[in-house]
Amino acid sequence: MNARLWMGIGWPAFLVAGLLEMVVFALVDPGELHWGGEPLPLSAQAVYTLAFFVFWGLCLVACGLTALLMNTPAPDEPLTRRSAD
């Protein structure tokens, strides 16, 4: 994949991950999160960071699947790679 396609996948995913981070942590206090009945042994900043990267990864998968589906040829077209122009 070329750099333009990677940026077309990564940048929207980054923006949506940032938006998700703001929405989720406007409603959730990271100090009150529990895992298996025990409080998380992480600082609030670590929770924010880990959550951002999880959100970004999920958004990357969604954007990547969209890019993959957009590059799939129609049934009546030959199986050759179409340009991204």
C-alpha atoms as a PDB file:
ATOM      1  CA  MET A   1       0.000   0.000   0.000  1.00  0.00           C
ATOM      2  CA  ASN A   2       1.184   3.481  -0.709  1.00  0.00           C
ATOM      3  CA  ALA A   3       1.568   6.322   1.776  1.00  0.00           C
ATOM      4  CA  ARG A   4      -1.526   8.145   0.509  1.00  0.00           C
ATOM      5  CA  LEU A   5      -3.727   5.131   1.223  1.00  0.00           C
ATOM      6  CA  TRP A   6      -2.179   4.667   4.690  1.00  0.00           C
ATOM      7  CA  MET A   7      -2.884   8.312   5.496  1.00  0.00           C
ATOM      8  CA  GLY A   8      -6.419   7.912   4.152  1.00  0.00           C
ATOM      9  CA  ILE A   9      -6.896   5.076   6.628  1.00  0.00           C
ATOM     10  CA  GLY A  10      -4.873   6.366   9.577  1.00  0.00           C
ATOM     11  CA  TRP A  11      -5.915  10.011   9.762  1.00  0.00           C
ATOM     12  CA  PRO A  12      -9.708   9.495   9.995  1.00  0.00           C
ATOM     13  CA  ALA A  13      -9.097   6.665  12.465  1.00  0.00           C
ATOM     14  CA  PHE A  14      -6.940   8.997  14.582  1.00  0.00           C
ATOM     15  CA  LEU A  15      -9.604  11.718  14.577  1.00  0.00           C
ATOM     16  CA  VAL A  16     -12.416   9.321  15.509  1.00  0.00           C
ATOM     17  CA  ALA A  17     -10.277   7.738  18.246  1.00  0.00           C
ATOM     18  CA  GLY A  18      -9.709  11.195  19.713  1.00  0.00           C
ATOM     19  CA  LEU A  19     -13.430  11.921  19.578  1.00  0.00           C
ATOM     20  CA  LEU A  20     -14.252   8.571  21.211  1.00  0.00           C
ATOM     21  CA  GLU A  21     -11.688   9.304  23.925  1.00  0.00           C
ATOM     22  CA  MET A  22     -13.369  12.609  24.734  1.00  0.00           C
ATOM     23  CA  VAL A  23     -16.879  11.157  24.753  1.00  0.00           C
ATOM     24  CA  VAL A  24     -16.048   8.047  26.795  1.00  0.00           C
ATOM     25  CA  PHE A  25     -13.998   9.826  29.434  1.00  0.00           C
ATOM     26  CA  ALA A  26     -16.508  12.640  29.761  1.00  0.00           C
ATOM     27  CA  LEU A  27     -18.823   9.931  31.105  1.00  0.00           C
ATOM     28  CA  VAL A  28     -16.370   7.501  32.771  1.00  0.00           C
ATOM     29  CA  ASP A  29     -13.911   8.208  35.574  1.00  0.00           C
ATOM     30  CA  PRO A  30     -10.749   6.136  34.949  1.00  0.00           C
ATOM     31  CA  GLY A  31     -10.107   5.969  38.706  1.00  0.00           C
ATOM     32  CA  GLU A  32     -13.316   4.007  39.218  1.00  0.00           C
ATOM     33  CA  LEU A  33     -12.704   1.344  36.573  1.00  0.00           C
ATOM     34  CA  HIS A  34     -12.456  -2.251  37.801  1.00  0.00           C
ATOM     35  CA  TRP A  35     -11.225  -5.435  36.153  1.00  0.00           C
ATOM     36  CA  GLY A  36     -12.214  -8.739  37.709  1.00  0.00           C
ATOM     37  CA  GLY A  37     -13.601  -7.027  40.789  1.00  0.00           C
ATOM     38  CA  GLU A  38     -10.316  -5.239  41.518  1.00  0.00           C
ATOM     39  CA  PRO A  39      -9.450  -1.603  40.745  1.00  0.00           C
ATOM     40  CA  LEU A  40      -7.129  -1.141  37.785  1.00  0.00           C
ATOM     41  CA  PRO A  41      -3.516  -0.786  38.955  1.00  0.00           C
ATOM     42  CA  LEU A  42      -2.921   2.009  36.425  1.00  0.00           C
ATOM     43  CA  SER A  43      -2.796   5.767  36.679  1.00  0.00           C
ATOM     44  CA  ALA A  44      -5.514   7.817  35.001  1.00  0.00           C
ATOM     45  CA  GLN A  45      -3.040   8.917  32.322  1.00  0.00           C
ATOM     46  CA  ALA A  46      -2.170   5.273  31.558  1.00  0.00           C
ATOM     47  CA  VAL A  47      -5.862   4.420  31.212  1.00  0.00           C
ATOM     48  CA  TYR A  48      -6.379   7.376  28.852  1.00  0.00           C
ATOM     49  CA  THR A  49      -3.378   6.326  26.770  1.00  0.00           C
ATOM     50  CA  LEU A  50      -4.297   2.650  26.552  1.00  0.00           C
ATOM     51  CA  ALA A  51      -7.911   3.469  25.739  1.00  0.00           C
ATOM     52  CA  PHE A  52      -6.830   5.844  22.969  1.00  0.00           C
ATOM     53  CA  PHE A  53      -4.666   3.181  21.336  1.00  0.00           C
ATOM     54  CA  VAL A  54      -7.451   0.590  21.609  1.00  0.00           C
ATOM     55  CA  PHE A  55      -9.921   3.035  20.041  1.00  0.00           C
ATOM     56  CA  TRP A  56      -7.397   3.923  17.330  1.00  0.00           C
ATOM     57  CA  GLY A  57      -6.760   0.259  16.546  1.00  0.00           C
ATOM     58  CA  LEU A  58     -10.459  -0.503  16.234  1.00  0.00           C
ATOM     59  CA  CYS A  59     -10.975   2.536  14.012  1.00  0.00           C
ATOM     60  CA  LEU A  60      -7.962   1.516  11.874  1.00  0.00           C
ATOM     61  CA  VAL A  61      -9.560  -1.876  11.294  1.00  0.00           C
ATOM     62  CA  ALA A  62     -12.875  -0.260  10.317  1.00  0.00           C
ATOM     63  CA  CYS A  63     -11.229   2.251   7.972  1.00  0.00           C
ATOM     64  CA  GLY A  64      -8.967  -0.433   6.494  1.00  0.00           C
ATOM     65  CA  LEU A  65     -11.929  -2.686   5.761  1.00  0.00           C
ATOM     66  CA  THR A  66     -13.700   0.230   4.108  1.00  0.00           C
ATOM     67  CA  ALA A  67     -10.638   0.930   1.929  1.00  0.00           C
ATOM     68  CA  LEU A  68     -10.409  -2.758   1.042  1.00  0.00           C
ATOM     69  CA  LEU A  69     -14.071  -2.943   0.078  1.00  0.00           C
ATOM     70  CA  MET A  70     -13.840   0.261  -1.959  1.00  0.00           C
ATOM     71  CA  ASN A  71     -10.969  -1.232  -3.980  1.00  0.00           C
ATOM     72  CA  THR A  72     -12.831  -4.460  -4.824  1.00  0.00           C
ATOM     73  CA  PRO A  73     -13.736  -4.699  -8.515  1.00  0.00           C
ATOM     74  CA  ALA A  74     -17.354  -4.948  -9.567  1.00  0.00           C
ATOM     75  CA  PRO A  75     -18.535  -8.446 -10.620  1.00  0.00           C
ATOM     76  CA  ASP A  76     -18.406  -7.595 -14.344  1.00  0.00           C
ATOM     77  CA  GLU A  77     -14.864  -6.161 -14.187  1.00  0.00           C
ATOM     78  CA  PRO A  78     -11.703  -8.243 -14.597  1.00  0.00           C
ATOM     79  CA  LEU A  79      -9.683  -8.953 -11.426  1.00  0.00           C
ATOM     80  CA  THR A  80      -7.041  -6.272 -11.964  1.00  0.00           C
ATOM     81  CA  ARG A  81      -5.983  -3.613  -9.534  1.00  0.00           C
ATOM     82  CA  ARG A  82      -7.807  -0.340 -10.055  1.00  0.00           C
ATOM     83  CA  SER A  83      -5.955   2.906  -9.454  1.00  0.00           C
ATOM     84  CA  ALA A  84      -6.877   5.011  -6.427  1.00  0.00           C
ATOM     85  CA  ASP A  85      -7.362   8.187  -8.502  1.00  0.00           C
END
